[in-house]
């Protein structure tokens, strides 16, 4: 976008707000004469939308044959813990993210699925923000500055 007074450039690329730490889907530059201002734009929730296959919990890989998942849509997240189905509310603010656990089925789970479920639900409840791995594009849910869940787009 351009006028005589300024030029605004919007690029679809991950932008990290340096003040709040929130991730946005757009990088925005405003050139006003000799002044250049850079910032972020768009709705962070758009970046979460869709289905994700959880690959790591608290830094460790998910055991083969156990398939926890997350689908973000309309202010909620739902999916599988690797054994049971769950549903939770998601709240995004300018500074972070909160996941509020909701209903979950209660089937008995043998290990390793039972252990994965416990770790997954604890990690989900501790989330304070999200980011994306610059190399792989994986979704990384964080508790403060520690990665607690890593997920790839579901096939």
C-alpha atoms as a PDB file:
ATOM      1  CA  UNK A   1       0.000   0.000   0.000  1.00  0.00           C
ATOM      2  CA  UNK A   2       1.446   3.362  -0.929  1.00  0.00           C
ATOM      3  CA  UNK A   3       0.530   7.041  -0.771  1.00  0.00           C
ATOM      4  CA  UNK A   4       2.656  10.155  -1.258  1.00  0.00           C
ATOM      5  CA  UNK A   5       3.314  10.296   2.488  1.00  0.00           C
ATOM      6  CA  UNK A   6       3.984   6.656   3.317  1.00  0.00           C
ATOM      7  CA  UNK A   7       4.372   3.093   2.113  1.00  0.00           C
ATOM      8  CA  UNK A   8       2.983   0.128   4.034  1.00  0.00           C
ATOM      9  CA  UNK A   9       4.313  -3.336   3.213  1.00  0.00           C
ATOM     10  CA  UNK A  10       2.525  -6.414   4.585  1.00  0.00           C
ATOM     11  CA  UNK A  11       4.295  -9.756   4.191  1.00  0.00           C
ATOM     12  CA  UNK A  12       2.811 -13.141   5.145  1.00  0.00           C
ATOM     13  CA  UNK A  13       5.624 -14.395   7.377  1.00  0.00           C
ATOM     14  CA  UNK A  14       5.958 -15.223  11.058  1.00  0.00           C
ATOM     15  CA  UNK A  15       6.519 -12.089  13.107  1.00  0.00           C
ATOM     16  CA  UNK A  16       7.484 -12.155  16.778  1.00  0.00           C
ATOM     17  CA  UNK A  17       6.460  -9.121  18.805  1.00  0.00           C
ATOM     18  CA  UNK A  18       9.646  -8.176  20.653  1.00  0.00           C
ATOM     19  CA  UNK A  19       7.761  -6.510  23.516  1.00  0.00           C
ATOM     20  CA  UNK A  20       5.085  -9.117  24.292  1.00  0.00           C
ATOM     21  CA  UNK A  21       6.601 -12.245  22.725  1.00  0.00           C
ATOM     22  CA  UNK A  22       3.371 -13.044  20.834  1.00  0.00           C
ATOM     23  CA  UNK A  23       3.638 -14.608  17.375  1.00  0.00           C
ATOM     24  CA  UNK A  24       1.691 -13.044  14.477  1.00  0.00           C
ATOM     25  CA  UNK A  25       1.081 -14.228  10.894  1.00  0.00           C
ATOM     26  CA  UNK A  26       2.111 -10.957   9.196  1.00  0.00           C
ATOM     27  CA  UNK A  27       5.214  -8.760   9.176  1.00  0.00           C
ATOM     28  CA  UNK A  28       4.359  -5.098   8.603  1.00  0.00           C
ATOM     29  CA  UNK A  29       6.698  -2.251   7.606  1.00  0.00           C
ATOM     30  CA  UNK A  30       5.686   1.394   7.395  1.00  0.00           C
ATOM     31  CA  UNK A  31       7.999   3.766   5.567  1.00  0.00           C
ATOM     32  CA  UNK A  32       7.139   7.415   6.276  1.00  0.00           C
ATOM     33  CA  UNK A  33       9.747   9.538   4.552  1.00  0.00           C
ATOM     34  CA  UNK A  34      13.017   8.747   6.259  1.00  0.00           C
ATOM     35  CA  UNK A  35      11.350   6.858   9.102  1.00  0.00           C
ATOM     36  CA  UNK A  36      10.927   3.093   8.918  1.00  0.00           C
ATOM     37  CA  UNK A  37       8.711   1.337  11.455  1.00  0.00           C
ATOM     38  CA  UNK A  38       8.482  -2.450  11.688  1.00  0.00           C
ATOM     39  CA  UNK A  39       5.818  -4.455  13.471  1.00  0.00           C
ATOM     40  CA  UNK A  40       3.449  -7.389  13.365  1.00  0.00           C
ATOM     41  CA  UNK A  41      -0.130  -7.828  12.223  1.00  0.00           C
ATOM     42  CA  UNK A  42      -2.941 -10.289  11.747  1.00  0.00           C
ATOM     43  CA  UNK A  43      -4.669 -12.639  14.138  1.00  0.00           C
ATOM     44  CA  UNK A  44      -2.400 -15.075  16.036  1.00  0.00           C
ATOM     45  CA  UNK A  45      -5.308 -17.543  16.357  1.00  0.00           C
ATOM     46  CA  UNK A  46      -5.197 -18.078  12.563  1.00  0.00           C
ATOM     47  CA  UNK A  47      -1.774 -19.664  12.931  1.00  0.00           C
ATOM     48  CA  UNK A  48      -3.088 -22.320  15.322  1.00  0.00           C
ATOM     49  CA  UNK A  49      -6.179 -23.314  13.304  1.00  0.00           C
ATOM     50  CA  UNK A  50      -6.161 -26.871  12.041  1.00  0.00           C
ATOM     51  CA  UNK A  51      -5.026 -30.275  13.197  1.00  0.00           C
ATOM     52  CA  UNK A  52      -1.653 -31.042  14.750  1.00  0.00           C
ATOM     53  CA  UNK A  53       0.054 -34.363  15.554  1.00  0.00           C
ATOM     54  CA  UNK A  54       1.970 -34.140  18.845  1.00  0.00           C
ATOM     55  CA  UNK A  55       5.553 -35.376  18.416  1.00  0.00           C
ATOM     56  CA  UNK A  56       7.192 -34.329  21.708  1.00  0.00           C
ATOM     57  CA  UNK A  57       6.001 -33.841  25.289  1.00  0.00           C
ATOM     58  CA  UNK A  58       8.303 -32.005  27.708  1.00  0.00           C
ATOM     59  CA  UNK A  59      11.179 -32.396  25.249  1.00  0.00           C
ATOM     60  CA  UNK A  60      10.875 -36.177  24.903  1.00  0.00           C
ATOM     61  CA  UNK A  61       9.531 -37.955  21.819  1.00  0.00           C
ATOM     62  CA  UNK A  62       6.066 -39.514  21.904  1.00  0.00           C
ATOM     63  CA  UNK A  63       6.423 -43.338  21.859  1.00  0.00           C
ATOM     64  CA  UNK A  64       5.658 -45.095  18.598  1.00  0.00           C
ATOM     65  CA  UNK A  65       2.045 -46.226  18.354  1.00  0.00           C
ATOM     66  CA  UNK A  66       0.705 -43.479  20.670  1.00  0.00           C
ATOM     67  CA  UNK A  67      -0.888 -40.591  18.763  1.00  0.00           C
ATOM     68  CA  UNK A  68      -1.846 -37.515  20.791  1.00  0.00           C
ATOM     69  CA  UNK A  69      -3.416 -34.791  18.672  1.00  0.00           C
ATOM     70  CA  UNK A  70      -4.707 -31.229  18.836  1.00  0.00           C
ATOM     71  CA  UNK A  71      -7.245 -29.478  16.617  1.00  0.00           C
ATOM     72  CA  UNK A  72      -7.662 -25.740  17.190  1.00  0.00           C
ATOM     73  CA  UNK A  73     -10.942 -24.174  16.066  1.00  0.00           C
ATOM     74  CA  UNK A  74     -13.191 -21.377  17.290  1.00  0.00           C
ATOM     75  CA  UNK A  75     -11.577 -20.696  20.672  1.00  0.00           C
ATOM     76  CA  UNK A  76     -11.122 -24.330  21.640  1.00  0.00           C
ATOM     77  CA  UNK A  77      -8.740 -27.226  21.210  1.00  0.00           C
ATOM     78  CA  UNK A  78      -9.797 -30.862  21.066  1.00  0.00           C
ATOM     79  CA  UNK A  79      -8.345 -34.207  20.084  1.00  0.00           C
ATOM     80  CA  UNK A  80      -6.770 -37.317  21.540  1.00  0.00           C
ATOM     81  CA  UNK A  81      -4.435 -37.685  24.510  1.00  0.00           C
ATOM     82  CA  UNK A  82      -3.132 -40.878  22.931  1.00  0.00           C
ATOM     83  CA  UNK A  83      -5.890 -42.819  24.703  1.00  0.00           C
ATOM     84  CA  UNK A  84      -8.852 -40.593  25.614  1.00  0.00           C
ATOM     85  CA  UNK A  85     -10.607 -37.735  23.799  1.00  0.00           C
ATOM     86  CA  UNK A  86     -10.490 -34.233  25.319  1.00  0.00           C
ATOM     87  CA  UNK A  87     -11.871 -30.743  24.755  1.00  0.00           C
ATOM     88  CA  UNK A  88     -10.462 -27.511  26.198  1.00  0.00           C
ATOM     89  CA  UNK A  89     -10.965 -23.759  25.897  1.00  0.00           C
ATOM     90  CA  UNK A  90      -8.241 -21.543  24.462  1.00  0.00           C
ATOM     91  CA  UNK A  91      -7.716 -17.899  25.392  1.00  0.00           C
ATOM     92  CA  UNK A  92      -5.257 -15.683  23.516  1.00  0.00           C
ATOM     93  CA  UNK A  93      -4.301 -12.231  24.764  1.00  0.00           C
ATOM     94  CA  UNK A  94      -1.662  -9.806  23.560  1.00  0.00           C
ATOM     95  CA  UNK A  95       0.796 -11.359  25.990  1.00  0.00           C
ATOM     96  CA  UNK A  96       0.088 -15.063  25.877  1.00  0.00           C
ATOM     97  CA  UNK A  97      -2.098 -18.112  25.734  1.00  0.00           C
ATOM     98  CA  UNK A  98      -4.088 -20.082  28.290  1.00  0.00           C
ATOM     99  CA  UNK A  99      -5.629 -23.515  27.782  1.00  0.00           C
ATOM    100  CA  UNK A 100      -8.466 -24.379  30.166  1.00  0.00           C
ATOM    101  CA  UNK A 101      -9.076 -28.159  30.349  1.00  0.00           C
ATOM    102  CA  UNK A 102     -12.669 -29.250  29.829  1.00  0.00           C
ATOM    103  CA  UNK A 103     -14.426 -32.596  29.406  1.00  0.00           C
ATOM    104  CA  UNK A 104     -12.484 -35.768  28.687  1.00  0.00           C
ATOM    105  CA  UNK A 105     -13.470 -39.392  28.167  1.00  0.00           C
ATOM    106  CA  UNK A 106     -12.293 -41.727  30.941  1.00  0.00           C
ATOM    107  CA  UNK A 107     -11.151 -45.004  29.346  1.00  0.00           C
ATOM    108  CA  UNK A 108      -8.446 -46.954  31.160  1.00  0.00           C
ATOM    109  CA  UNK A 109      -5.096 -46.694  29.390  1.00  0.00           C
ATOM    110  CA  UNK A 110      -2.199 -49.120  29.656  1.00  0.00           C
ATOM    111  CA  UNK A 111       1.323 -47.722  29.381  1.00  0.00           C
ATOM    112  CA  UNK A 112       2.802 -46.193  27.357  1.00  0.00           C
ATOM    113  CA  UNK A 113      -0.517 -44.489  26.401  1.00  0.00           C
ATOM    114  CA  UNK A 114      -1.415 -43.863  30.069  1.00  0.00           C
ATOM    115  CA  UNK A 115       1.914 -42.181  30.797  1.00  0.00           C
ATOM    116  CA  UNK A 116       1.677 -40.131  27.596  1.00  0.00           C
ATOM    117  CA  UNK A 117      -1.836 -38.996  28.554  1.00  0.00           C
ATOM    118  CA  UNK A 118      -0.683 -37.811  31.998  1.00  0.00           C
ATOM    119  CA  UNK A 119       2.257 -35.883  30.538  1.00  0.00           C
ATOM    120  CA  UNK A 120       0.160 -34.450  27.713  1.00  0.00           C
ATOM    121  CA  UNK A 121      -2.625 -33.148  29.972  1.00  0.00           C
ATOM    122  CA  UNK A 122      -0.126 -31.661  32.452  1.00  0.00           C
ATOM    123  CA  UNK A 123       1.726 -29.944  29.602  1.00  0.00           C
ATOM    124  CA  UNK A 124      -1.505 -28.660  28.040  1.00  0.00           C
ATOM    125  CA  UNK A 125      -2.574 -27.090  31.336  1.00  0.00           C
ATOM    126  CA  UNK A 126       0.777 -25.332  31.778  1.00  0.00           C
ATOM    127  CA  UNK A 127       0.839 -23.527  28.394  1.00  0.00           C
ATOM    128  CA  UNK A 128       1.484 -19.761  28.572  1.00  0.00           C
ATOM    129  CA  UNK A 129       2.304 -19.009  24.913  1.00  0.00           C
ATOM    130  CA  UNK A 130       3.057 -20.537  21.537  1.00  0.00           C
ATOM    131  CA  UNK A 131       5.715 -20.251  18.852  1.00  0.00           C
ATOM    132  CA  UNK A 132       6.909 -22.049  15.745  1.00  0.00           C
ATOM    133  CA  UNK A 133      10.220 -23.815  15.151  1.00  0.00           C
ATOM    134  CA  UNK A 134      12.025 -21.756  12.499  1.00  0.00           C
ATOM    135  CA  UNK A 135      13.652 -24.829  10.919  1.00  0.00           C
ATOM    136  CA  UNK A 136      10.759 -27.309  10.833  1.00  0.00           C
ATOM    137  CA  UNK A 137       7.646 -25.129  11.097  1.00  0.00           C
ATOM    138  CA  UNK A 138       6.455 -27.242  14.036  1.00  0.00           C
ATOM    139  CA  UNK A 139       4.042 -25.677  16.520  1.00  0.00           C
ATOM    140  CA  UNK A 140       5.698 -25.294  19.922  1.00  0.00           C
ATOM    141  CA  UNK A 141       3.511 -24.731  22.989  1.00  0.00           C
ATOM    142  CA  UNK A 142       5.499 -23.137  25.783  1.00  0.00           C
ATOM    143  CA  UNK A 143       5.246 -22.902  29.577  1.00  0.00           C
ATOM    144  CA  UNK A 144       7.128 -19.642  30.174  1.00  0.00           C
ATOM    145  CA  UNK A 145      10.340 -20.239  28.157  1.00  0.00           C
ATOM    146  CA  UNK A 146      10.224 -24.051  28.139  1.00  0.00           C
ATOM    147  CA  UNK A 147       8.791 -26.105  25.271  1.00  0.00           C
ATOM    148  CA  UNK A 148       6.166 -28.475  26.714  1.00  0.00           C
ATOM    149  CA  UNK A 149       4.438 -29.690  23.523  1.00  0.00           C
ATOM    150  CA  UNK A 150       5.731 -29.845  19.952  1.00  0.00           C
ATOM    151  CA  UNK A 151       3.423 -30.754  17.084  1.00  0.00           C
ATOM    152  CA  UNK A 152       3.555 -31.055  13.301  1.00  0.00           C
ATOM    153  CA  UNK A 153       0.645 -30.440  10.935  1.00  0.00           C
ATOM    154  CA  UNK A 154      -1.515 -33.592  10.913  1.00  0.00           C
ATOM    155  CA  UNK A 155      -1.521 -35.461   7.607  1.00  0.00           C
END
